[in-house]
Amino acid sequence: MLQNASNNGGTWTEFNVGYQKVYDKKKAIKDGSAAIWNYAENLLNESVEKGVLRKL
């Protein structure tokens, strides 16, 4: 997630991956750490705002 968020979508863009798919795969982070999940969720939302991930 960090790599894709930092390089304009990387494989998310290459393979046309949507927000929900990434969210569903990464939501387990919140079970381990609320702080890390907050950071991850912000990265996902920023990626949507930048047009890197599409949110249906």
PDB file of N, CA and C in Angstrom:
ATOM      1  N   MET A   1       0.827  -1.176   0.000  1.00  0.00           N
ATOM      2  CA  MET A   1       0.000   0.000   0.000  1.00  0.00           C
ATOM      3  C   MET A   1       0.875   1.244   0.000  1.00  0.00           C
ATOM      4  N   LEU A   2       1.918   1.244   0.831  1.00  0.00           N
ATOM      5  CA  LEU A   2       2.800   2.414   0.885  1.00  0.00           C
ATOM      6  C   LEU A   2       3.452   2.673  -0.466  1.00  0.00           C
ATOM      7  N   GLN A   3       3.910   1.604  -1.099  1.00  0.00           N
ATOM      8  CA  GLN A   3       4.573   1.758  -2.384  1.00  0.00           C
ATOM      9  C   GLN A   3       3.605   2.288  -3.441  1.00  0.00           C
ATOM     10  N   ASN A   4       2.425   1.728  -3.530  1.00  0.00           N
ATOM     11  CA  ASN A   4       1.452   2.179  -4.519  1.00  0.00           C
ATOM     12  C   ASN A   4       1.014   3.615  -4.256  1.00  0.00           C
ATOM     13  N   ALA A   5       0.825   3.949  -2.990  1.00  0.00           N
ATOM     14  CA  ALA A   5       0.402   5.313  -2.660  1.00  0.00           C
ATOM     15  C   ALA A   5       1.494   6.326  -2.981  1.00  0.00           C
ATOM     16  N   SER A   6       2.748   5.911  -2.898  1.00  0.00           N
ATOM     17  CA  SER A   6       3.845   6.855  -3.118  1.00  0.00           C
ATOM     18  C   SER A   6       4.297   6.965  -4.570  1.00  0.00           C
ATOM     19  N   ASN A   7       3.827   6.079  -5.437  1.00  0.00           N
ATOM     20  CA  ASN A   7       4.267   6.153  -6.833  1.00  0.00           C
ATOM     21  C   ASN A   7       3.095   6.249  -7.815  1.00  0.00           C
ATOM     22  N   ASN A   8       2.166   7.137  -7.495  1.00  0.00           N
ATOM     23  CA  ASN A   8       1.030   7.421  -8.378  1.00  0.00           C
ATOM     24  C   ASN A   8       0.205   6.192  -8.737  1.00  0.00           C
ATOM     25  N   GLY A   9       0.052   5.303  -7.785  1.00  0.00           N
ATOM     26  CA  GLY A   9      -0.820   4.157  -7.983  1.00  0.00           C
ATOM     27  C   GLY A   9      -0.118   2.865  -8.330  1.00  0.00           C
ATOM     28  N   GLY A  10       1.038   2.935  -8.933  1.00  0.00           N
ATOM     29  CA  GLY A  10       1.786   1.720  -9.268  1.00  0.00           C
ATOM     30  C   GLY A  10       0.923   0.635  -9.856  1.00  0.00           C
ATOM     31  N   THR A  11       0.915  -0.519  -9.226  1.00  0.00           N
ATOM     32  CA  THR A  11       0.141  -1.647  -9.741  1.00  0.00           C
ATOM     33  C   THR A  11      -1.365  -1.453  -9.594  1.00  0.00           C
ATOM     34  N   TRP A  12      -1.779  -0.575  -8.669  1.00  0.00           N
ATOM     35  CA  TRP A  12      -3.224  -0.286  -8.603  1.00  0.00           C
ATOM     36  C   TRP A  12      -3.677   0.282  -9.931  1.00  0.00           C
ATOM     37  N   THR A  13      -2.910   1.228 -10.450  1.00  0.00           N
ATOM     38  CA  THR A  13      -3.259   1.851 -11.725  1.00  0.00           C
ATOM     39  C   THR A  13      -3.068   0.860 -12.867  1.00  0.00           C
ATOM     40  N   GLU A  14      -1.955   0.154 -12.844  1.00  0.00           N
ATOM     41  CA  GLU A  14      -1.634  -0.804 -13.909  1.00  0.00           C
ATOM     42  C   GLU A  14      -2.729  -1.847 -14.082  1.00  0.00           C
ATOM     43  N   PHE A  15      -3.271  -2.323 -12.977  1.00  0.00           N
ATOM     44  CA  PHE A  15      -4.279  -3.385 -13.028  1.00  0.00           C
ATOM     45  C   PHE A  15      -5.693  -2.898 -12.715  1.00  0.00           C
ATOM     46  N   ASN A  16      -5.876  -1.572 -12.723  1.00  0.00           N
ATOM     47  CA  ASN A  16      -7.198  -0.979 -12.542  1.00  0.00           C
ATOM     48  C   ASN A  16      -7.891  -1.471 -11.263  1.00  0.00           C
ATOM     49  N   VAL A  17      -7.160  -1.422 -10.160  1.00  0.00           N
ATOM     50  CA  VAL A  17      -7.676  -1.879  -8.866  1.00  0.00           C
ATOM     51  C   VAL A  17      -8.479  -0.749  -8.235  1.00  0.00           C
ATOM     52  N   GLY A  18      -9.631  -1.086  -7.708  1.00  0.00           N
ATOM     53  CA  GLY A  18     -10.493  -0.090  -7.089  1.00  0.00           C
ATOM     54  C   GLY A  18     -10.276   0.039  -5.589  1.00  0.00           C
ATOM     55  N   TYR A  19     -10.792   1.110  -5.046  1.00  0.00           N
ATOM     56  CA  TYR A  19     -10.686   1.414  -3.617  1.00  0.00           C
ATOM     57  C   TYR A  19     -11.185   0.259  -2.759  1.00  0.00           C
ATOM     58  N   GLN A  20     -12.362  -0.265  -3.081  1.00  0.00           N
ATOM     59  CA  GLN A  20     -12.977  -1.279  -2.219  1.00  0.00           C
ATOM     60  C   GLN A  20     -12.121  -2.526  -2.117  1.00  0.00           C
ATOM     61  N   LYS A  21     -11.491  -2.918  -3.197  1.00  0.00           N
ATOM     62  CA  LYS A  21     -10.641  -4.104  -3.162  1.00  0.00           C
ATOM     63  C   LYS A  21      -9.446  -3.886  -2.235  1.00  0.00           C
ATOM     64  N   VAL A  22      -8.814  -2.725  -2.333  1.00  0.00           N
ATOM     65  CA  VAL A  22      -7.676  -2.423  -1.463  1.00  0.00           C
ATOM     66  C   VAL A  22      -8.155  -2.326  -0.015  1.00  0.00           C
ATOM     67  N   TYR A  23      -9.261  -1.631   0.193  1.00  0.00           N
ATOM     68  CA  TYR A  23      -9.815  -1.480   1.547  1.00  0.00           C
ATOM     69  C   TYR A  23     -10.080  -2.852   2.169  1.00  0.00           C
ATOM     70  N   ASP A  24     -10.742  -3.721   1.421  1.00  0.00           N
ATOM     71  CA  ASP A  24     -11.091  -5.040   1.945  1.00  0.00           C
ATOM     72  C   ASP A  24      -9.849  -5.857   2.308  1.00  0.00           C
ATOM     73  N   LYS A  25      -8.809  -5.744   1.525  1.00  0.00           N
ATOM     74  CA  LYS A  25      -7.576  -6.486   1.804  1.00  0.00           C
ATOM     75  C   LYS A  25      -6.812  -5.909   2.990  1.00  0.00           C
ATOM     76  N   LYS A  26      -6.902  -4.606   3.207  1.00  0.00           N
ATOM     77  CA  LYS A  26      -6.087  -3.957   4.235  1.00  0.00           C
ATOM     78  C   LYS A  26      -6.821  -3.672   5.533  1.00  0.00           C
ATOM     79  N   LYS A  27      -8.127  -3.882   5.581  1.00  0.00           N
ATOM     80  CA  LYS A  27      -8.895  -3.521   6.775  1.00  0.00           C
ATOM     81  C   LYS A  27      -8.495  -4.316   8.018  1.00  0.00           C
ATOM     82  N   ALA A  28      -7.805  -5.424   7.848  1.00  0.00           N
ATOM     83  CA  ALA A  28      -7.348  -6.206   9.004  1.00  0.00           C
ATOM     84  C   ALA A  28      -6.332  -5.429   9.844  1.00  0.00           C
ATOM     85  N   ILE A  29      -5.732  -4.414   9.260  1.00  0.00           N
ATOM     86  CA  ILE A  29      -4.772  -3.582   9.992  1.00  0.00           C
ATOM     87  C   ILE A  29      -5.413  -3.008  11.251  1.00  0.00           C
ATOM     88  N   LYS A  30      -6.702  -2.644  11.166  1.00  0.00           N
ATOM     89  CA  LYS A  30      -7.345  -2.010  12.320  1.00  0.00           C
ATOM     90  C   LYS A  30      -7.459  -2.946  13.513  1.00  0.00           C
ATOM     91  N   ASP A  31      -7.408  -4.262  13.271  1.00  0.00           N
ATOM     92  CA  ASP A  31      -7.429  -5.213  14.389  1.00  0.00           C
ATOM     93  C   ASP A  31      -6.117  -5.190  15.165  1.00  0.00           C
ATOM     94  N   GLY A  32      -5.036  -4.783  14.516  1.00  0.00           N
ATOM     95  CA  GLY A  32      -3.738  -4.761  15.160  1.00  0.00           C
ATOM     96  C   GLY A  32      -3.361  -3.420  15.755  1.00  0.00           C
ATOM     97  N   SER A  33      -3.768  -2.342  15.071  1.00  0.00           N
ATOM     98  CA  SER A  33      -3.361  -1.018  15.544  1.00  0.00           C
ATOM     99  C   SER A  33      -4.281   0.061  14.992  1.00  0.00           C
ATOM    100  N   ALA A  34      -4.942   0.746  15.875  1.00  0.00           N
ATOM    101  CA  ALA A  34      -5.822   1.844  15.461  1.00  0.00           C
ATOM    102  C   ALA A  34      -5.016   2.973  14.829  1.00  0.00           C
ATOM    103  N   ALA A  35      -3.837   3.249  15.354  1.00  0.00           N
ATOM    104  CA  ALA A  35      -3.015   4.340  14.827  1.00  0.00           C
ATOM    105  C   ALA A  35      -2.528   4.039  13.408  1.00  0.00           C
ATOM    106  N   ILE A  36      -2.071   2.814  13.191  1.00  0.00           N
ATOM    107  CA  ILE A  36      -1.604   2.456  11.847  1.00  0.00           C
ATOM    108  C   ILE A  36      -2.780   2.417  10.881  1.00  0.00           C
ATOM    109  N   TRP A  37      -3.932   1.926  11.351  1.00  0.00           N
ATOM    110  CA  TRP A  37      -5.107   1.906  10.491  1.00  0.00           C
ATOM    111  C   TRP A  37      -5.513   3.328  10.095  1.00  0.00           C
ATOM    112  N   ASN A  38      -5.458   4.246  11.021  1.00  0.00           N
ATOM    113  CA  ASN A  38      -5.787   5.635  10.723  1.00  0.00           C
ATOM    114  C   ASN A  38      -4.884   6.166   9.603  1.00  0.00           C
ATOM    115  N   TYR A  39      -3.602   5.880   9.713  1.00  0.00           N
ATOM    116  CA  TYR A  39      -2.645   6.290   8.679  1.00  0.00           C
ATOM    117  C   TYR A  39      -2.969   5.628   7.337  1.00  0.00           C
ATOM    118  N   ALA A  40      -3.238   4.330   7.373  1.00  0.00           N
ATOM    119  CA  ALA A  40      -3.541   3.585   6.152  1.00  0.00           C
ATOM    120  C   ALA A  40      -4.822   4.093   5.500  1.00  0.00           C
ATOM    121  N   GLU A  41      -5.829   4.340   6.303  1.00  0.00           N
ATOM    122  CA  GLU A  41      -7.101   4.826   5.764  1.00  0.00           C
ATOM    123  C   GLU A  41      -6.932   6.213   5.139  1.00  0.00           C
ATOM    124  N   ASN A  42      -6.112   7.043   5.762  1.00  0.00           N
ATOM    125  CA  ASN A  42      -5.818   8.350   5.172  1.00  0.00           C
ATOM    126  C   ASN A  42      -5.108   8.201   3.834  1.00  0.00           C
ATOM    127  N   LEU A  43      -4.170   7.262   3.728  1.00  0.00           N
ATOM    128  CA  LEU A  43      -3.497   7.012   2.449  1.00  0.00           C
ATOM    129  C   LEU A  43      -4.498   6.590   1.372  1.00  0.00           C
ATOM    130  N   LEU A  44      -5.418   5.728   1.747  1.00  0.00           N
ATOM    131  CA  LEU A  44      -6.433   5.288   0.784  1.00  0.00           C
ATOM    132  C   LEU A  44      -7.306   6.459   0.331  1.00  0.00           C
ATOM    133  N   ASN A  45      -7.740   7.270   1.279  1.00  0.00           N
ATOM    134  CA  ASN A  45      -8.586   8.413   0.924  1.00  0.00           C
ATOM    135  C   ASN A  45      -7.839   9.433   0.074  1.00  0.00           C
ATOM    136  N   GLU A  46      -6.565   9.663   0.376  1.00  0.00           N
ATOM    137  CA  GLU A  46      -5.754  10.567  -0.443  1.00  0.00           C
ATOM    138  C   GLU A  46      -5.591  10.013  -1.850  1.00  0.00           C
ATOM    139  N   SER A  47      -5.467   8.698  -1.963  1.00  0.00           N
ATOM    140  CA  SER A  47      -5.340   8.073  -3.277  1.00  0.00           C
ATOM    141  C   SER A  47      -6.616   8.247  -4.096  1.00  0.00           C
ATOM    142  N   VAL A  48      -7.759   8.209  -3.429  1.00  0.00           N
ATOM    143  CA  VAL A  48      -9.031   8.461  -4.113  1.00  0.00           C
ATOM    144  C   VAL A  48      -9.076   9.917  -4.580  1.00  0.00           C
ATOM    145  N   GLU A  49      -8.694  10.842  -3.704  1.00  0.00           N
ATOM    146  CA  GLU A  49      -8.709  12.269  -4.051  1.00  0.00           C
ATOM    147  C   GLU A  49      -7.789  12.575  -5.228  1.00  0.00           C
ATOM    148  N   LYS A  50      -6.664  11.878  -5.310  1.00  0.00           N
ATOM    149  CA  LYS A  50      -5.705  12.089  -6.404  1.00  0.00           C
ATOM    150  C   LYS A  50      -6.134  11.394  -7.691  1.00  0.00           C
ATOM    151  N   GLY A  51      -7.158  10.558  -7.608  1.00  0.00           N
ATOM    152  CA  GLY A  51      -7.632   9.831  -8.788  1.00  0.00           C
ATOM    153  C   GLY A  51      -6.874   8.539  -9.032  1.00  0.00           C
ATOM    154  N   VAL A  52      -6.069   8.125  -8.068  1.00  0.00           N
ATOM    155  CA  VAL A  52      -5.300   6.895  -8.199  1.00  0.00           C
ATOM    156  C   VAL A  52      -6.192   5.680  -7.990  1.00  0.00           C
ATOM    157  N   LEU A  53      -7.081   5.749  -7.014  1.00  0.00           N
ATOM    158  CA  LEU A  53      -8.055   4.702  -6.769  1.00  0.00           C
ATOM    159  C   LEU A  53      -9.442   5.242  -7.074  1.00  0.00           C
ATOM    160  N   ARG A  54     -10.262   4.402  -7.659  1.00  0.00           N
ATOM    161  CA  ARG A  54     -11.636   4.822  -7.930  1.00  0.00           C
ATOM    162  C   ARG A  54     -12.562   4.237  -6.866  1.00  0.00           C
ATOM    163  N   LYS A  55     -13.452   5.060  -6.401  1.00  0.00           N
ATOM    164  CA  LYS A  55     -14.404   4.652  -5.367  1.00  0.00           C
ATOM    165  C   LYS A  55     -15.781   4.636  -6.013  1.00  0.00           C
ATOM    166  N   LEU A  56     -16.404   3.474  -6.039  1.00  0.00           N
ATOM    167  CA  LEU A  56     -17.723   3.353  -6.679  1.00  0.00           C
ATOM    168  C   LEU A  56     -18.840   3.708  -5.757  1.00  0.00           C
TER     169      LEU A  56
END
